[in-house]
């Protein structure tokens, strides 16, 4: 299973993360809230949950606790961009609650993929993907042909 559940109230960020992770071979689902994440995870567990901390309604910390109640082994990458001091505090809190790794927004594609690789064992990483961190070169089954050699959303990967 190589499903990723992205949970973030920021629609453009959900779209970009979905595109990057789909491009390297993950099956991606994206939802806008903690409550939607819980329902989605109950319906179909994910290999990895990428979870924003600051969201209206059920925040990321509450969502992480609820996910751990459903599946104590759930793999979570916490993300936050609320502000440098608060972001650091929230990320530490998420780590204390058992998140596997944390990233402060904004983050580069290389940092995202490095964190995903750190969390997931090699057997769970899709295909034979090898990403050379800091480079735009990708090898393996996840390599795709795009006009101009890069994904259509135009972001530099």
N, C-alpha and C. Protein backbone atom coordinates (compact mmCIF):
# COMPACT_ATOMS: atom_id res chain seq x y z
N UNK A 1 0.85 -1.18 0.00
CA UNK A 1 0.00 0.00 0.00
C UNK A 1 0.89 1.24 0.00
N UNK A 2 0.61 2.17 -0.90
CA UNK A 2 1.38 3.41 -0.95
C UNK A 2 0.45 4.61 -1.08
N UNK A 3 -0.57 4.63 -0.23
CA UNK A 3 -1.54 5.72 -0.22
C UNK A 3 -1.09 6.81 0.74
N UNK A 4 -1.28 8.06 0.32
CA UNK A 4 -0.99 9.21 1.16
C UNK A 4 -2.27 10.01 1.33
N UNK A 5 -2.55 10.39 2.56
CA UNK A 5 -3.68 11.26 2.87
C UNK A 5 -3.13 12.62 3.26
N UNK A 6 -3.47 13.64 2.48
CA UNK A 6 -3.03 15.01 2.75
C UNK A 6 -4.18 15.74 3.43
N UNK A 7 -3.88 16.37 4.56
CA UNK A 7 -4.90 17.08 5.34
C UNK A 7 -4.42 18.51 5.52
N UNK A 8 -5.05 19.44 4.81
CA UNK A 8 -4.67 20.86 4.90
C UNK A 8 -5.85 21.70 4.44
N UNK A 9 -6.11 22.79 5.15
CA UNK A 9 -7.23 23.67 4.76
C UNK A 9 -6.88 24.59 3.60
N UNK A 10 -5.63 24.59 3.16
CA UNK A 10 -5.17 25.42 2.06
C UNK A 10 -5.27 24.63 0.75
N UNK A 11 -6.28 24.95 -0.07
CA UNK A 11 -6.55 24.19 -1.30
C UNK A 11 -5.36 24.21 -2.28
N UNK A 12 -4.72 25.36 -2.54
CA UNK A 12 -3.58 25.33 -3.46
C UNK A 12 -2.43 24.44 -2.97
N UNK A 13 -2.17 24.45 -1.67
CA UNK A 13 -1.10 23.60 -1.13
C UNK A 13 -1.48 22.12 -1.27
N UNK A 14 -2.74 21.79 -1.00
CA UNK A 14 -3.19 20.41 -1.19
C UNK A 14 -2.96 19.97 -2.63
N UNK A 15 -3.27 20.85 -3.56
CA UNK A 15 -3.10 20.51 -4.99
C UNK A 15 -1.63 20.29 -5.34
N UNK A 16 -0.76 21.16 -4.85
CA UNK A 16 0.67 21.04 -5.16
C UNK A 16 1.26 19.78 -4.53
N UNK A 17 0.96 19.53 -3.26
CA UNK A 17 1.46 18.32 -2.60
C UNK A 17 0.93 17.07 -3.29
N UNK A 18 -0.34 17.10 -3.68
CA UNK A 18 -0.92 15.97 -4.39
C UNK A 18 -0.19 15.71 -5.70
N UNK A 19 0.09 16.78 -6.42
CA UNK A 19 0.78 16.65 -7.72
C UNK A 19 2.20 16.08 -7.53
N UNK A 20 2.94 16.61 -6.58
CA UNK A 20 4.31 16.13 -6.34
C UNK A 20 4.31 14.65 -5.96
N UNK A 21 3.45 14.28 -5.00
CA UNK A 21 3.45 12.89 -4.53
C UNK A 21 2.88 11.93 -5.56
N UNK A 22 1.90 12.37 -6.34
CA UNK A 22 1.38 11.53 -7.43
C UNK A 22 2.47 11.32 -8.48
N UNK A 23 3.21 12.38 -8.74
CA UNK A 23 4.26 12.34 -9.75
C UNK A 23 5.32 11.30 -9.43
N UNK A 24 5.60 11.09 -8.13
CA UNK A 24 6.61 10.11 -7.76
C UNK A 24 6.02 8.73 -7.45
N UNK A 25 4.71 8.56 -7.68
CA UNK A 25 4.14 7.23 -7.62
C UNK A 25 3.16 6.93 -6.50
N UNK A 26 2.84 7.90 -5.66
CA UNK A 26 1.88 7.65 -4.59
C UNK A 26 0.45 7.80 -5.10
N UNK A 27 -0.46 7.08 -4.47
CA UNK A 27 -1.89 7.29 -4.67
C UNK A 27 -2.30 8.29 -3.59
N UNK A 28 -2.81 9.43 -4.00
CA UNK A 28 -3.03 10.53 -3.07
C UNK A 28 -4.52 10.84 -2.91
N UNK A 29 -4.92 11.03 -1.68
CA UNK A 29 -6.23 11.58 -1.33
C UNK A 29 -5.96 12.85 -0.55
N UNK A 30 -6.76 13.87 -0.78
CA UNK A 30 -6.56 15.14 -0.07
C UNK A 30 -7.90 15.62 0.48
N UNK A 31 -7.86 16.04 1.75
CA UNK A 31 -9.05 16.56 2.40
C UNK A 31 -8.71 17.88 3.09
N UNK A 32 -9.78 18.65 3.40
CA UNK A 32 -9.59 20.01 3.89
C UNK A 32 -9.71 20.17 5.39
N UNK A 33 -10.02 19.10 6.13
CA UNK A 33 -10.24 19.27 7.57
C UNK A 33 -9.87 18.02 8.34
N UNK A 34 -9.72 18.20 9.64
CA UNK A 34 -9.43 17.08 10.51
C UNK A 34 -10.56 16.06 10.52
N UNK A 35 -11.79 16.55 10.58
CA UNK A 35 -12.95 15.63 10.59
C UNK A 35 -13.02 14.81 9.30
N UNK A 36 -12.77 15.47 8.17
CA UNK A 36 -12.77 14.75 6.89
C UNK A 36 -11.63 13.72 6.86
N UNK A 37 -10.50 14.06 7.48
CA UNK A 37 -9.37 13.13 7.53
C UNK A 37 -9.73 11.87 8.32
N UNK A 38 -10.40 12.04 9.45
CA UNK A 38 -10.80 10.90 10.28
C UNK A 38 -11.73 9.99 9.50
N UNK A 39 -12.72 10.57 8.85
CA UNK A 39 -13.68 9.77 8.06
C UNK A 39 -12.97 9.06 6.91
N UNK A 40 -12.09 9.77 6.22
CA UNK A 40 -11.36 9.17 5.10
C UNK A 40 -10.47 8.03 5.58
N UNK A 41 -9.78 8.23 6.72
CA UNK A 41 -8.88 7.19 7.24
C UNK A 41 -9.66 5.98 7.72
N UNK A 42 -10.84 6.19 8.32
CA UNK A 42 -11.67 5.07 8.75
C UNK A 42 -12.12 4.24 7.56
N UNK A 43 -12.46 4.93 6.46
CA UNK A 43 -12.91 4.25 5.25
C UNK A 43 -11.78 3.49 4.59
N UNK A 44 -10.62 4.14 4.51
CA UNK A 44 -9.46 3.53 3.86
C UNK A 44 -8.18 4.08 4.50
N UNK A 45 -7.51 3.28 5.35
CA UNK A 45 -6.26 3.75 5.97
C UNK A 45 -5.21 4.11 4.91
N UNK A 46 -4.33 5.02 5.27
CA UNK A 46 -3.26 5.46 4.38
C UNK A 46 -1.91 5.02 4.93
N UNK A 47 -0.94 4.87 4.05
CA UNK A 47 0.42 4.55 4.44
C UNK A 47 1.03 5.72 5.21
N UNK A 48 0.69 6.93 4.79
CA UNK A 48 1.23 8.15 5.39
C UNK A 48 0.15 9.22 5.41
N UNK A 49 0.09 9.97 6.50
CA UNK A 49 -0.80 11.13 6.60
C UNK A 49 0.08 12.37 6.71
N UNK A 50 -0.11 13.31 5.79
CA UNK A 50 0.57 14.60 5.87
C UNK A 50 -0.46 15.56 6.45
N UNK A 51 -0.16 16.07 7.65
CA UNK A 51 -1.17 16.73 8.47
C UNK A 51 -0.77 18.15 8.85
N UNK A 52 -1.57 19.11 8.39
CA UNK A 52 -1.38 20.50 8.80
C UNK A 52 -1.81 20.64 10.26
N UNK A 53 -1.16 21.51 11.00
CA UNK A 53 -1.49 21.68 12.40
C UNK A 53 -2.60 22.71 12.60
N UNK A 54 -2.48 23.86 11.96
CA UNK A 54 -3.44 24.95 12.18
C UNK A 54 -4.53 24.92 11.12
N UNK A 55 -5.69 24.38 11.52
CA UNK A 55 -6.86 24.31 10.65
C UNK A 55 -8.07 24.71 11.47
N UNK A 56 -9.09 25.29 10.82
CA UNK A 56 -10.30 25.60 11.57
C UNK A 56 -11.03 24.32 11.99
N UNK A 57 -11.79 24.44 13.05
CA UNK A 57 -12.50 23.26 13.55
C UNK A 57 -11.53 22.36 14.29
N UNK A 58 -11.43 21.13 13.86
CA UNK A 58 -10.52 20.16 14.47
C UNK A 58 -9.10 20.42 13.96
N UNK A 59 -8.21 20.88 14.84
CA UNK A 59 -6.85 21.18 14.40
C UNK A 59 -6.03 19.90 14.23
N UNK A 60 -4.81 20.07 13.79
CA UNK A 60 -3.95 18.92 13.52
C UNK A 60 -3.58 18.12 14.75
N UNK A 61 -3.46 18.78 15.90
CA UNK A 61 -3.12 18.07 17.12
C UNK A 61 -4.28 17.15 17.54
N UNK A 62 -5.50 17.67 17.48
CA UNK A 62 -6.67 16.84 17.79
C UNK A 62 -6.82 15.71 16.78
N UNK A 63 -6.55 16.03 15.53
CA UNK A 63 -6.66 15.02 14.46
C UNK A 63 -5.65 13.91 14.67
N UNK A 64 -4.42 14.28 15.04
CA UNK A 64 -3.39 13.27 15.29
C UNK A 64 -3.81 12.35 16.44
N UNK A 65 -4.34 12.92 17.52
CA UNK A 65 -4.80 12.09 18.64
C UNK A 65 -5.89 11.12 18.18
N UNK A 66 -6.84 11.62 17.39
CA UNK A 66 -7.93 10.77 16.90
C UNK A 66 -7.41 9.68 15.97
N UNK A 67 -6.47 10.02 15.09
CA UNK A 67 -5.88 9.02 14.19
C UNK A 67 -5.15 7.94 14.98
N UNK A 68 -4.41 8.35 16.02
CA UNK A 68 -3.70 7.38 16.87
C UNK A 68 -4.69 6.47 17.58
N UNK A 69 -5.89 6.99 17.91
CA UNK A 69 -6.92 6.16 18.52
C UNK A 69 -7.45 5.10 17.56
N UNK A 70 -7.48 5.43 16.27
CA UNK A 70 -7.93 4.49 15.25
C UNK A 70 -6.82 3.50 14.92
N UNK A 71 -5.59 4.03 14.76
CA UNK A 71 -4.45 3.21 14.35
C UNK A 71 -3.19 3.73 15.05
N UNK A 72 -2.76 3.07 16.12
CA UNK A 72 -1.58 3.54 16.86
C UNK A 72 -0.30 3.55 16.02
N UNK A 73 -0.28 2.84 14.89
CA UNK A 73 0.91 2.77 14.06
C UNK A 73 0.89 3.74 12.88
N UNK A 74 -0.13 4.61 12.80
CA UNK A 74 -0.24 5.52 11.67
C UNK A 74 1.04 6.37 11.54
N UNK A 75 1.51 6.51 10.32
CA UNK A 75 2.69 7.33 10.04
C UNK A 75 2.22 8.74 9.71
N UNK A 76 2.80 9.74 10.39
CA UNK A 76 2.35 11.13 10.24
C UNK A 76 3.52 12.07 10.01
N UNK A 77 3.37 12.92 8.99
CA UNK A 77 4.28 14.03 8.74
C UNK A 77 3.51 15.29 9.07
N UNK A 78 3.91 15.99 10.14
CA UNK A 78 3.24 17.22 10.55
C UNK A 78 3.82 18.41 9.80
N UNK A 79 2.94 19.31 9.36
CA UNK A 79 3.38 20.52 8.66
C UNK A 79 2.70 21.73 9.30
N UNK A 80 3.43 22.84 9.36
CA UNK A 80 2.86 24.06 9.91
C UNK A 80 3.55 25.28 9.34
N UNK A 81 2.78 26.33 9.15
CA UNK A 81 3.33 27.58 8.66
C UNK A 81 2.67 28.76 9.33
N UNK A 82 2.25 28.61 10.56
CA UNK A 82 1.47 29.62 11.27
C UNK A 82 2.30 30.85 11.63
N UNK A 83 3.56 30.72 11.71
CA UNK A 83 4.47 31.80 12.13
C UNK A 83 5.64 31.14 12.81
N UNK A 84 6.81 31.69 12.69
CA UNK A 84 8.01 30.97 13.11
C UNK A 84 7.99 30.49 14.56
N UNK A 85 7.67 31.35 15.52
CA UNK A 85 7.67 30.91 16.92
C UNK A 85 6.53 29.94 17.21
N UNK A 86 5.34 30.30 16.77
CA UNK A 86 4.19 29.41 16.99
C UNK A 86 4.34 28.12 16.21
N UNK A 87 4.85 28.22 15.00
CA UNK A 87 5.05 27.03 14.18
C UNK A 87 6.00 26.06 14.87
N UNK A 88 7.09 26.58 15.40
CA UNK A 88 8.05 25.73 16.11
C UNK A 88 7.40 25.07 17.31
N UNK A 89 6.63 25.83 18.08
CA UNK A 89 5.94 25.28 19.25
C UNK A 89 4.95 24.19 18.83
N UNK A 90 4.13 24.48 17.80
CA UNK A 90 3.14 23.50 17.35
C UNK A 90 3.82 22.23 16.82
N UNK A 91 4.91 22.40 16.09
CA UNK A 91 5.61 21.23 15.56
C UNK A 91 6.19 20.39 16.69
N UNK A 92 6.70 21.04 17.74
CA UNK A 92 7.21 20.30 18.90
C UNK A 92 6.08 19.55 19.59
N UNK A 93 4.91 20.19 19.69
CA UNK A 93 3.76 19.53 20.30
C UNK A 93 3.34 18.32 19.47
N UNK A 94 3.37 18.47 18.15
CA UNK A 94 2.99 17.35 17.29
C UNK A 94 4.00 16.22 17.45
N UNK A 95 5.27 16.56 17.56
CA UNK A 95 6.30 15.54 17.80
C UNK A 95 6.07 14.82 19.11
N UNK A 96 5.68 15.57 20.14
CA UNK A 96 5.41 14.96 21.44
C UNK A 96 4.22 14.02 21.39
N UNK A 97 3.29 14.30 20.47
CA UNK A 97 2.12 13.43 20.31
C UNK A 97 2.41 12.22 19.41
N UNK A 98 3.61 12.16 18.87
CA UNK A 98 4.00 10.97 18.11
C UNK A 98 4.11 11.11 16.62
N UNK A 99 4.11 12.35 16.09
CA UNK A 99 4.33 12.51 14.66
C UNK A 99 5.72 12.00 14.32
N UNK A 100 5.85 11.38 13.17
CA UNK A 100 7.12 10.77 12.76
C UNK A 100 8.15 11.78 12.28
N UNK A 101 7.67 12.89 11.73
CA UNK A 101 8.56 13.96 11.26
C UNK A 101 7.73 15.22 11.13
N UNK A 102 8.40 16.36 11.09
CA UNK A 102 7.73 17.64 10.97
C UNK A 102 8.46 18.51 9.96
N UNK A 103 7.68 19.34 9.25
CA UNK A 103 8.23 20.31 8.31
C UNK A 103 7.56 21.66 8.54
N UNK A 104 8.35 22.73 8.49
CA UNK A 104 7.79 24.07 8.60
C UNK A 104 7.57 24.63 7.19
N UNK A 105 6.37 25.15 6.95
CA UNK A 105 6.05 25.77 5.65
C UNK A 105 6.70 27.14 5.59
N UNK A 106 7.12 27.57 4.44
CA UNK A 106 7.16 26.82 3.19
C UNK A 106 8.36 25.87 3.17
N UNK A 107 8.22 24.76 2.49
CA UNK A 107 9.31 23.80 2.37
C UNK A 107 9.50 23.43 0.91
N UNK A 108 10.71 23.01 0.60
CA UNK A 108 11.05 22.64 -0.77
C UNK A 108 10.61 21.21 -1.06
N UNK A 109 10.45 20.92 -2.33
CA UNK A 109 10.11 19.56 -2.77
C UNK A 109 11.11 18.56 -2.22
N UNK A 110 12.39 18.90 -2.26
CA UNK A 110 13.42 17.98 -1.79
C UNK A 110 13.23 17.66 -0.31
N UNK A 111 12.88 18.67 0.49
CA UNK A 111 12.65 18.44 1.92
C UNK A 111 11.43 17.55 2.14
N UNK A 112 10.39 17.76 1.36
CA UNK A 112 9.19 16.91 1.45
C UNK A 112 9.54 15.46 1.15
N UNK A 113 10.20 15.23 0.03
CA UNK A 113 10.53 13.86 -0.36
C UNK A 113 11.51 13.21 0.60
N UNK A 114 12.44 13.98 1.12
CA UNK A 114 13.39 13.45 2.11
C UNK A 114 12.65 13.02 3.37
N UNK A 115 11.69 13.83 3.83
CA UNK A 115 10.91 13.49 5.02
C UNK A 115 10.06 12.25 4.78
N UNK A 116 9.44 12.17 3.61
CA UNK A 116 8.62 11.00 3.28
C UNK A 116 9.49 9.76 3.28
N UNK A 117 10.67 9.86 2.68
CA UNK A 117 11.59 8.72 2.63
C UNK A 117 12.05 8.31 4.03
N UNK A 118 12.27 9.30 4.89
CA UNK A 118 12.70 9.04 6.26
C UNK A 118 11.62 8.27 7.03
N UNK A 119 10.37 8.64 6.81
CA UNK A 119 9.26 8.02 7.54
C UNK A 119 8.96 6.60 7.05
N UNK A 120 8.95 6.44 5.75
CA UNK A 120 8.54 5.15 5.18
C UNK A 120 9.74 4.23 4.98
N UNK A 121 9.55 2.98 5.26
CA UNK A 121 10.62 2.02 5.01
C UNK A 121 10.77 1.85 3.50
N UNK A 122 11.94 1.43 3.02
CA UNK A 122 12.14 1.27 1.58
C UNK A 122 11.11 0.37 0.92
N UNK A 123 10.59 -0.61 1.64
CA UNK A 123 9.60 -1.52 1.07
C UNK A 123 8.27 -0.86 0.80
N UNK A 124 8.00 0.28 1.45
CA UNK A 124 6.73 0.96 1.24
C UNK A 124 6.83 2.10 0.25
N UNK A 125 8.05 2.48 -0.14
CA UNK A 125 8.21 3.57 -1.09
C UNK A 125 7.85 3.06 -2.47
N UNK A 126 7.02 3.77 -3.23
CA UNK A 126 6.51 3.23 -4.49
C UNK A 126 7.58 2.97 -5.53
N UNK A 127 7.38 1.90 -6.29
CA UNK A 127 8.26 1.58 -7.41
C UNK A 127 9.71 1.44 -7.00
N UNK A 128 10.57 1.76 -7.91
CA UNK A 128 12.00 1.73 -7.61
C UNK A 128 12.53 3.16 -7.61
N UNK A 129 11.69 4.07 -7.14
CA UNK A 129 12.01 5.48 -7.17
C UNK A 129 13.27 5.80 -6.37
N UNK A 130 14.13 6.56 -6.99
CA UNK A 130 15.29 7.11 -6.31
C UNK A 130 15.35 8.58 -6.69
N UNK A 131 15.22 9.45 -5.74
CA UNK A 131 15.28 10.88 -6.02
C UNK A 131 16.61 11.40 -5.54
N UNK A 132 17.31 12.06 -6.42
CA UNK A 132 18.58 12.67 -6.04
C UNK A 132 18.23 14.03 -5.43
N UNK A 133 18.31 14.12 -4.09
CA UNK A 133 17.91 15.32 -3.38
C UNK A 133 18.71 16.52 -3.89
N UNK A 134 17.99 17.62 -4.14
CA UNK A 134 18.63 18.84 -4.63
C UNK A 134 18.75 18.86 -6.14
N UNK A 135 18.25 17.84 -6.80
CA UNK A 135 18.33 17.75 -8.24
C UNK A 135 16.93 17.57 -8.81
N UNK A 136 16.77 17.83 -10.07
CA UNK A 136 15.47 17.63 -10.71
C UNK A 136 15.40 16.27 -11.40
N UNK A 137 16.38 15.40 -11.19
CA UNK A 137 16.40 14.12 -11.88
C UNK A 137 15.73 13.05 -11.05
N UNK A 138 14.82 12.31 -11.67
CA UNK A 138 14.15 11.19 -11.01
C UNK A 138 14.35 9.95 -11.87
N UNK A 139 14.52 8.81 -11.22
CA UNK A 139 14.71 7.56 -11.93
C UNK A 139 13.72 6.54 -11.41
N UNK A 140 13.49 5.49 -12.18
CA UNK A 140 12.66 4.39 -11.73
C UNK A 140 11.27 4.43 -12.35
N UNK A 141 10.40 3.57 -11.81
CA UNK A 141 9.06 3.44 -12.35
C UNK A 141 8.26 4.72 -12.26
N UNK A 142 8.60 5.60 -11.34
CA UNK A 142 7.82 6.82 -11.14
C UNK A 142 8.14 7.90 -12.17
N UNK A 143 9.15 7.68 -13.00
CA UNK A 143 9.50 8.69 -13.99
C UNK A 143 8.36 8.82 -15.00
N UNK A 144 7.97 10.03 -15.28
CA UNK A 144 6.87 10.28 -16.19
C UNK A 144 7.34 11.20 -17.30
N UNK A 145 6.64 11.16 -18.41
CA UNK A 145 6.95 12.06 -19.52
C UNK A 145 5.98 13.23 -19.49
N UNK A 146 6.50 14.41 -19.30
CA UNK A 146 5.70 15.62 -19.32
C UNK A 146 6.28 16.53 -20.41
N UNK A 147 5.42 17.32 -21.06
CA UNK A 147 5.95 18.30 -22.01
C UNK A 147 6.96 19.20 -21.31
N UNK A 148 8.12 19.31 -21.88
CA UNK A 148 9.16 20.13 -21.27
C UNK A 148 9.92 19.40 -20.17
N UNK A 149 9.53 18.13 -19.86
CA UNK A 149 10.25 17.34 -18.89
C UNK A 149 9.86 17.56 -17.45
N UNK A 150 8.81 18.31 -17.18
CA UNK A 150 8.39 18.50 -15.80
C UNK A 150 6.87 18.53 -15.69
N UNK A 151 6.36 18.39 -14.47
CA UNK A 151 4.91 18.31 -14.26
C UNK A 151 4.18 19.55 -14.76
N UNK A 152 2.92 19.40 -15.12
CA UNK A 152 2.17 20.48 -15.72
C UNK A 152 1.86 21.66 -14.82
N UNK A 153 1.91 21.51 -13.49
CA UNK A 153 1.55 22.65 -12.66
C UNK A 153 2.62 23.73 -12.71
N UNK A 154 3.78 23.43 -13.29
CA UNK A 154 4.79 24.45 -13.55
C UNK A 154 5.73 24.77 -12.40
N UNK A 155 5.48 24.18 -11.22
CA UNK A 155 6.39 24.44 -10.10
C UNK A 155 7.69 23.71 -10.34
N UNK A 156 8.78 24.35 -9.99
CA UNK A 156 10.08 23.70 -10.13
C UNK A 156 10.20 22.59 -9.10
N UNK A 157 10.32 21.38 -9.55
CA UNK A 157 10.45 20.25 -8.64
C UNK A 157 11.89 20.04 -8.42
